[in-house]
């Protein structure tokens, strides 16, 4: 009942509705009915996308939690921190178009394989652009492999031209690689 009230009038929701679950799981710092309704609008898509990605094995809760904590420590509002956490969950959604054997390959990638892999930020941004409530996340997803010195991809952005959220994601994801390793690189810091 309280979740439905926070989402607005004239609606009925069941307790296990993904929007209600997410809304009740967030702190009471959600600023108002409009913000709660926005959260609820993307939750069914969010839950579907997350379930698809979890099946692919490309999402770790540690990344989204680290982004959330970093955003909170930097003074982001609760809603901004939650959206950044969502970026942590969805940043590799574009890897859906990359073959599993390529993602798990231990040997160095060929030029054509690299080109295929380097498409995933654009594909991810395109997917999120199709969902109106997730559209603001698309530029961050698109730029999450850019590097400060301009050697990243897909656009070779330099310095502050890289969206701030993408820079935060790159820091947290880089740390996760150092801790967890990848198929192509062993962990370098003991967990």
C-alpha atoms as a PDB file:
ATOM      1  CA  UNK A   1       0.000   0.000   0.000  1.00  0.00           C
ATOM      2  CA  UNK A   2       2.731   2.474   0.953  1.00  0.00           C
ATOM      3  CA  UNK A   3       4.695   1.664  -2.179  1.00  0.00           C
ATOM      4  CA  UNK A   4       1.636   2.249  -4.378  1.00  0.00           C
ATOM      5  CA  UNK A   5       0.964   5.533  -2.607  1.00  0.00           C
ATOM      6  CA  UNK A   6       4.514   6.695  -3.261  1.00  0.00           C
ATOM      7  CA  UNK A   7       4.170   5.819  -6.946  1.00  0.00           C
ATOM      8  CA  UNK A   8       1.017   7.875  -7.413  1.00  0.00           C
ATOM      9  CA  UNK A   9      -2.739   7.620  -7.426  1.00  0.00           C
ATOM     10  CA  UNK A  10      -5.163   5.235  -9.080  1.00  0.00           C
ATOM     11  CA  UNK A  11      -3.075   2.109  -9.233  1.00  0.00           C
ATOM     12  CA  UNK A  12      -2.867  -1.256  -7.577  1.00  0.00           C
ATOM     13  CA  UNK A  13       0.428  -3.083  -7.127  1.00  0.00           C
ATOM     14  CA  UNK A  14       1.280  -6.424  -5.577  1.00  0.00           C
ATOM     15  CA  UNK A  15       4.055  -6.661  -3.005  1.00  0.00           C
ATOM     16  CA  UNK A  16       6.371  -8.654  -5.296  1.00  0.00           C
ATOM     17  CA  UNK A  17       6.038  -6.145  -8.171  1.00  0.00           C
ATOM     18  CA  UNK A  18       9.645  -5.278  -9.175  1.00  0.00           C
ATOM     19  CA  UNK A  19       8.901  -1.551  -8.930  1.00  0.00           C
ATOM     20  CA  UNK A  20       7.551  -1.907  -5.384  1.00  0.00           C
ATOM     21  CA  UNK A  21      10.426  -4.161  -4.353  1.00  0.00           C
ATOM     22  CA  UNK A  22      12.978  -1.668  -5.653  1.00  0.00           C
ATOM     23  CA  UNK A  23      11.162   1.305  -4.197  1.00  0.00           C
ATOM     24  CA  UNK A  24      10.913  -0.259  -0.756  1.00  0.00           C
ATOM     25  CA  UNK A  25      14.550  -1.379  -0.935  1.00  0.00           C
ATOM     26  CA  UNK A  26      15.717   2.186  -1.553  1.00  0.00           C
ATOM     27  CA  UNK A  27      16.033   4.532   1.351  1.00  0.00           C
ATOM     28  CA  UNK A  28      13.270   6.970   2.099  1.00  0.00           C
ATOM     29  CA  UNK A  29      15.466   9.666   0.562  1.00  0.00           C
ATOM     30  CA  UNK A  30      13.514   9.425  -2.695  1.00  0.00           C
ATOM     31  CA  UNK A  31      12.493  13.035  -2.985  1.00  0.00           C
ATOM     32  CA  UNK A  32       8.946  12.773  -4.249  1.00  0.00           C
ATOM     33  CA  UNK A  33       6.214  11.067  -6.156  1.00  0.00           C
ATOM     34  CA  UNK A  34       7.648  12.029  -9.567  1.00  0.00           C
ATOM     35  CA  UNK A  35      11.035  10.542  -8.740  1.00  0.00           C
ATOM     36  CA  UNK A  36       9.421   7.399  -7.338  1.00  0.00           C
ATOM     37  CA  UNK A  37       7.325   7.051 -10.492  1.00  0.00           C
ATOM     38  CA  UNK A  38      10.457   7.388 -12.647  1.00  0.00           C
ATOM     39  CA  UNK A  39      12.125   4.678 -10.607  1.00  0.00           C
ATOM     40  CA  UNK A  40       9.089   2.461 -11.036  1.00  0.00           C
ATOM     41  CA  UNK A  41       8.928   3.153 -14.771  1.00  0.00           C
ATOM     42  CA  UNK A  42      12.319   1.631 -15.452  1.00  0.00           C
ATOM     43  CA  UNK A  43      12.220  -1.165 -12.900  1.00  0.00           C
ATOM     44  CA  UNK A  44      10.464  -3.832 -15.014  1.00  0.00           C
ATOM     45  CA  UNK A  45      12.957  -3.224 -17.874  1.00  0.00           C
ATOM     46  CA  UNK A  46      15.761  -3.005 -15.386  1.00  0.00           C
ATOM     47  CA  UNK A  47      14.851  -6.366 -13.857  1.00  0.00           C
ATOM     48  CA  UNK A  48      14.594  -8.006 -17.278  1.00  0.00           C
ATOM     49  CA  UNK A  49      17.917  -6.590 -18.471  1.00  0.00           C
ATOM     50  CA  UNK A  50      19.660  -7.575 -15.258  1.00  0.00           C
ATOM     51  CA  UNK A  51      18.312 -11.122 -15.448  1.00  0.00           C
ATOM     52  CA  UNK A  52      19.557 -11.427 -19.049  1.00  0.00           C
ATOM     53  CA  UNK A  53      22.988 -10.122 -18.110  1.00  0.00           C
ATOM     54  CA  UNK A  54      23.266 -12.273 -15.003  1.00  0.00           C
ATOM     55  CA  UNK A  55      22.622 -15.321 -17.193  1.00  0.00           C
ATOM     56  CA  UNK A  56      25.491 -14.126 -19.387  1.00  0.00           C
ATOM     57  CA  UNK A  57      27.671 -13.898 -16.256  1.00  0.00           C
ATOM     58  CA  UNK A  58      28.806 -10.354 -17.024  1.00  0.00           C
ATOM     59  CA  UNK A  59      27.547  -8.549 -13.927  1.00  0.00           C
ATOM     60  CA  UNK A  60      29.006  -8.559 -10.471  1.00  0.00           C
ATOM     61  CA  UNK A  61      27.143  -7.056  -7.525  1.00  0.00           C
ATOM     62  CA  UNK A  62      30.443  -5.723  -6.213  1.00  0.00           C
ATOM     63  CA  UNK A  63      30.720  -3.289  -9.134  1.00  0.00           C
ATOM     64  CA  UNK A  64      27.290  -1.782  -8.648  1.00  0.00           C
ATOM     65  CA  UNK A  65      27.785  -1.593  -4.870  1.00  0.00           C
ATOM     66  CA  UNK A  66      31.195   0.053  -5.289  1.00  0.00           C
ATOM     67  CA  UNK A  67      29.746   2.630  -7.675  1.00  0.00           C
ATOM     68  CA  UNK A  68      26.916   3.333  -5.269  1.00  0.00           C
ATOM     69  CA  UNK A  69      29.333   3.813  -2.363  1.00  0.00           C
ATOM     70  CA  UNK A  70      31.663   5.995  -4.443  1.00  0.00           C
ATOM     71  CA  UNK A  71      28.785   8.183  -5.631  1.00  0.00           C
ATOM     72  CA  UNK A  72      27.494   8.559  -2.077  1.00  0.00           C
ATOM     73  CA  UNK A  73      30.958   9.447  -0.766  1.00  0.00           C
ATOM     74  CA  UNK A  74      31.252  12.106  -3.498  1.00  0.00           C
ATOM     75  CA  UNK A  75      28.015  13.690  -2.289  1.00  0.00           C
ATOM     76  CA  UNK A  76      25.681  12.571  -5.071  1.00  0.00           C
ATOM     77  CA  UNK A  77      21.984  12.610  -4.219  1.00  0.00           C
ATOM     78  CA  UNK A  78      20.334   9.271  -3.494  1.00  0.00           C
ATOM     79  CA  UNK A  79      18.700   9.229  -6.937  1.00  0.00           C
ATOM     80  CA  UNK A  80      21.956  10.087  -8.746  1.00  0.00           C
ATOM     81  CA  UNK A  81      23.831   7.421  -6.781  1.00  0.00           C
ATOM     82  CA  UNK A  82      21.140   4.853  -7.627  1.00  0.00           C
ATOM     83  CA  UNK A  83      21.340   5.710 -11.326  1.00  0.00           C
ATOM     84  CA  UNK A  84      25.120   5.361 -11.246  1.00  0.00           C
ATOM     85  CA  UNK A  85      24.692   1.984  -9.568  1.00  0.00           C
ATOM     86  CA  UNK A  86      22.349   1.063 -12.405  1.00  0.00           C
ATOM     87  CA  UNK A  87      25.095   2.033 -14.874  1.00  0.00           C
ATOM     88  CA  UNK A  88      27.328  -0.458 -13.068  1.00  0.00           C
ATOM     89  CA  UNK A  89      24.750  -3.156 -13.672  1.00  0.00           C
ATOM     90  CA  UNK A  90      24.080  -2.314 -17.313  1.00  0.00           C
ATOM     91  CA  UNK A  91      27.416  -1.078 -18.643  1.00  0.00           C
ATOM     92  CA  UNK A  92      28.170  -4.274 -20.559  1.00  0.00           C
ATOM     93  CA  UNK A  93      24.666  -4.864 -21.930  1.00  0.00           C
ATOM     94  CA  UNK A  94      26.131  -4.422 -25.433  1.00  0.00           C
ATOM     95  CA  UNK A  95      28.153  -7.611 -24.981  1.00  0.00           C
ATOM     96  CA  UNK A  96      24.985  -9.488 -25.850  1.00  0.00           C
ATOM     97  CA  UNK A  97      26.139  -9.202 -29.491  1.00  0.00           C
ATOM     98  CA  UNK A  98      29.652 -10.510 -28.749  1.00  0.00           C
ATOM     99  CA  UNK A  99      30.222 -14.265 -28.988  1.00  0.00           C
ATOM    100  CA  UNK A 100      30.861 -16.037 -25.687  1.00  0.00           C
ATOM    101  CA  UNK A 101      34.040 -17.684 -26.972  1.00  0.00           C
ATOM    102  CA  UNK A 102      35.396 -14.219 -27.727  1.00  0.00           C
ATOM    103  CA  UNK A 103      34.523 -12.921 -24.249  1.00  0.00           C
ATOM    104  CA  UNK A 104      36.216 -15.906 -22.611  1.00  0.00           C
ATOM    105  CA  UNK A 105      39.220 -16.140 -24.904  1.00  0.00           C
ATOM    106  CA  UNK A 106      42.509 -16.313 -23.010  1.00  0.00           C
ATOM    107  CA  UNK A 107      44.786 -15.604 -25.975  1.00  0.00           C
ATOM    108  CA  UNK A 108      45.276 -12.118 -27.428  1.00  0.00           C
ATOM    109  CA  UNK A 109      42.403 -11.030 -29.669  1.00  0.00           C
ATOM    110  CA  UNK A 110      42.870 -10.549 -33.405  1.00  0.00           C
ATOM    111  CA  UNK A 111      42.130  -7.184 -35.020  1.00  0.00           C
ATOM    112  CA  UNK A 112      38.697  -8.351 -36.216  1.00  0.00           C
ATOM    113  CA  UNK A 113      37.892  -9.767 -32.776  1.00  0.00           C
ATOM    114  CA  UNK A 114      38.913  -6.483 -31.155  1.00  0.00           C
ATOM    115  CA  UNK A 115      36.722  -4.584 -33.610  1.00  0.00           C
ATOM    116  CA  UNK A 116      33.793  -6.818 -32.677  1.00  0.00           C
ATOM    117  CA  UNK A 117      34.402  -6.328 -28.954  1.00  0.00           C
ATOM    118  CA  UNK A 118      34.830  -2.562 -29.348  1.00  0.00           C
ATOM    119  CA  UNK A 119      31.263  -2.353 -30.718  1.00  0.00           C
ATOM    120  CA  UNK A 120      29.688  -3.239 -27.369  1.00  0.00           C
ATOM    121  CA  UNK A 121      29.602   0.282 -25.841  1.00  0.00           C
ATOM    122  CA  UNK A 122      27.720   1.626 -28.858  1.00  0.00           C
ATOM    123  CA  UNK A 123      25.331  -1.341 -28.890  1.00  0.00           C
ATOM    124  CA  UNK A 124      24.686  -0.913 -25.168  1.00  0.00           C
ATOM    125  CA  UNK A 125      23.999   2.797 -25.605  1.00  0.00           C
ATOM    126  CA  UNK A 126      21.650   2.020 -28.511  1.00  0.00           C
ATOM    127  CA  UNK A 127      19.717  -0.502 -26.403  1.00  0.00           C
ATOM    128  CA  UNK A 128      19.312   1.922 -23.507  1.00  0.00           C
ATOM    129  CA  UNK A 129      18.316   4.727 -25.876  1.00  0.00           C
ATOM    130  CA  UNK A 130      15.246   2.680 -26.814  1.00  0.00           C
ATOM    131  CA  UNK A 131      13.973   2.829 -23.227  1.00  0.00           C
ATOM    132  CA  UNK A 132      12.901   6.416 -22.451  1.00  0.00           C
ATOM    133  CA  UNK A 133      13.611   6.288 -18.724  1.00  0.00           C
ATOM    134  CA  UNK A 134      17.096   4.810 -19.288  1.00  0.00           C
ATOM    135  CA  UNK A 135      18.060   7.188 -22.100  1.00  0.00           C
ATOM    136  CA  UNK A 136      20.116   9.464 -19.770  1.00  0.00           C
ATOM    137  CA  UNK A 137      22.427   6.509 -19.055  1.00  0.00           C
ATOM    138  CA  UNK A 138      23.278   5.948 -22.740  1.00  0.00           C
ATOM    139  CA  UNK A 139      26.141   8.507 -22.974  1.00  0.00           C
ATOM    140  CA  UNK A 140      27.797   6.975 -19.912  1.00  0.00           C
ATOM    141  CA  UNK A 141      27.452   3.451 -21.303  1.00  0.00           C
ATOM    142  CA  UNK A 142      28.715   4.650 -24.684  1.00  0.00           C
ATOM    143  CA  UNK A 143      31.860   6.186 -23.136  1.00  0.00           C
ATOM    144  CA  UNK A 144      32.699   3.640 -20.444  1.00  0.00           C
ATOM    145  CA  UNK A 145      35.832   2.410 -22.278  1.00  0.00           C
ATOM    146  CA  UNK A 146      37.215   5.849 -23.072  1.00  0.00           C
ATOM    147  CA  UNK A 147      40.543   6.689 -21.441  1.00  0.00           C
ATOM    148  CA  UNK A 148      41.795   9.998 -20.096  1.00  0.00           C
ATOM    149  CA  UNK A 149      44.649  10.126 -22.640  1.00  0.00           C
ATOM    150  CA  UNK A 150      42.378   9.495 -25.650  1.00  0.00           C
ATOM    151  CA  UNK A 151      43.452   5.900 -26.293  1.00  0.00           C
ATOM    152  CA  UNK A 152      40.076   4.402 -25.377  1.00  0.00           C
ATOM    153  CA  UNK A 153      37.135   3.498 -27.574  1.00  0.00           C
ATOM    154  CA  UNK A 154      34.791   3.997 -29.404  1.00  0.00           C
ATOM    155  CA  UNK A 155      35.417   7.771 -29.884  1.00  0.00           C
ATOM    156  CA  UNK A 156      38.914   8.326 -28.421  1.00  0.00           C
ATOM    157  CA  UNK A 157      37.557  11.038 -26.104  1.00  0.00           C
ATOM    158  CA  UNK A 158      40.135  12.905 -24.024  1.00  0.00           C
ATOM    159  CA  UNK A 159      40.048  14.118 -20.411  1.00  0.00           C
ATOM    160  CA  UNK A 160      36.947  15.938 -19.261  1.00  0.00           C
ATOM    161  CA  UNK A 161      35.128  15.334 -22.537  1.00  0.00           C
ATOM    162  CA  UNK A 162      34.464  11.847 -21.136  1.00  0.00           C
ATOM    163  CA  UNK A 163      31.207  11.913 -19.125  1.00  0.00           C
ATOM    164  CA  UNK A 164      31.911  11.981 -15.401  1.00  0.00           C
ATOM    165  CA  UNK A 165      29.824   8.852 -14.757  1.00  0.00           C
ATOM    166  CA  UNK A 166      31.871   6.955 -17.351  1.00  0.00           C
ATOM    167  CA  UNK A 167      35.087   8.053 -15.636  1.00  0.00           C
ATOM    168  CA  UNK A 168      33.806   6.817 -12.269  1.00  0.00           C
ATOM    169  CA  UNK A 169      32.753   3.518 -13.823  1.00  0.00           C
ATOM    170  CA  UNK A 170      36.204   3.116 -15.408  1.00  0.00           C
ATOM    171  CA  UNK A 171      37.904   3.586 -12.034  1.00  0.00           C
ATOM    172  CA  UNK A 172      35.658   1.101 -10.240  1.00  0.00           C
ATOM    173  CA  UNK A 173      35.767  -1.419 -13.103  1.00  0.00           C
ATOM    174  CA  UNK A 174      39.568  -1.155 -13.279  1.00  0.00           C
ATOM    175  CA  UNK A 175      39.778  -1.874  -9.568  1.00  0.00           C
ATOM    176  CA  UNK A 176      37.435  -4.868 -10.006  1.00  0.00           C
ATOM    177  CA  UNK A 177      39.723  -6.251 -12.740  1.00  0.00           C
ATOM    178  CA  UNK A 178      42.722  -5.909 -10.415  1.00  0.00           C
ATOM    179  CA  UNK A 179      40.876  -7.780  -7.650  1.00  0.00           C
ATOM    180  CA  UNK A 180      38.943 -10.402  -9.645  1.00  0.00           C
ATOM    181  CA  UNK A 181      40.977 -10.731 -12.829  1.00  0.00           C
ATOM    182  CA  UNK A 182      39.514 -11.674 -16.198  1.00  0.00           C
ATOM    183  CA  UNK A 183      39.950 -14.599 -18.573  1.00  0.00           C
ATOM    184  CA  UNK A 184      42.721 -12.647 -20.300  1.00  0.00           C
ATOM    185  CA  UNK A 185      44.347 -11.181 -17.153  1.00  0.00           C
ATOM    186  CA  UNK A 186      44.879 -12.685 -13.706  1.00  0.00           C
ATOM    187  CA  UNK A 187      44.076 -10.702 -10.564  1.00  0.00           C
ATOM    188  CA  UNK A 188      47.002  -8.613  -9.377  1.00  0.00           C
ATOM    189  CA  UNK A 189      45.734  -7.658  -5.917  1.00  0.00           C
ATOM    190  CA  UNK A 190      44.728 -10.438  -3.516  1.00  0.00           C
ATOM    191  CA  UNK A 191      41.048 -10.166  -2.561  1.00  0.00           C
END
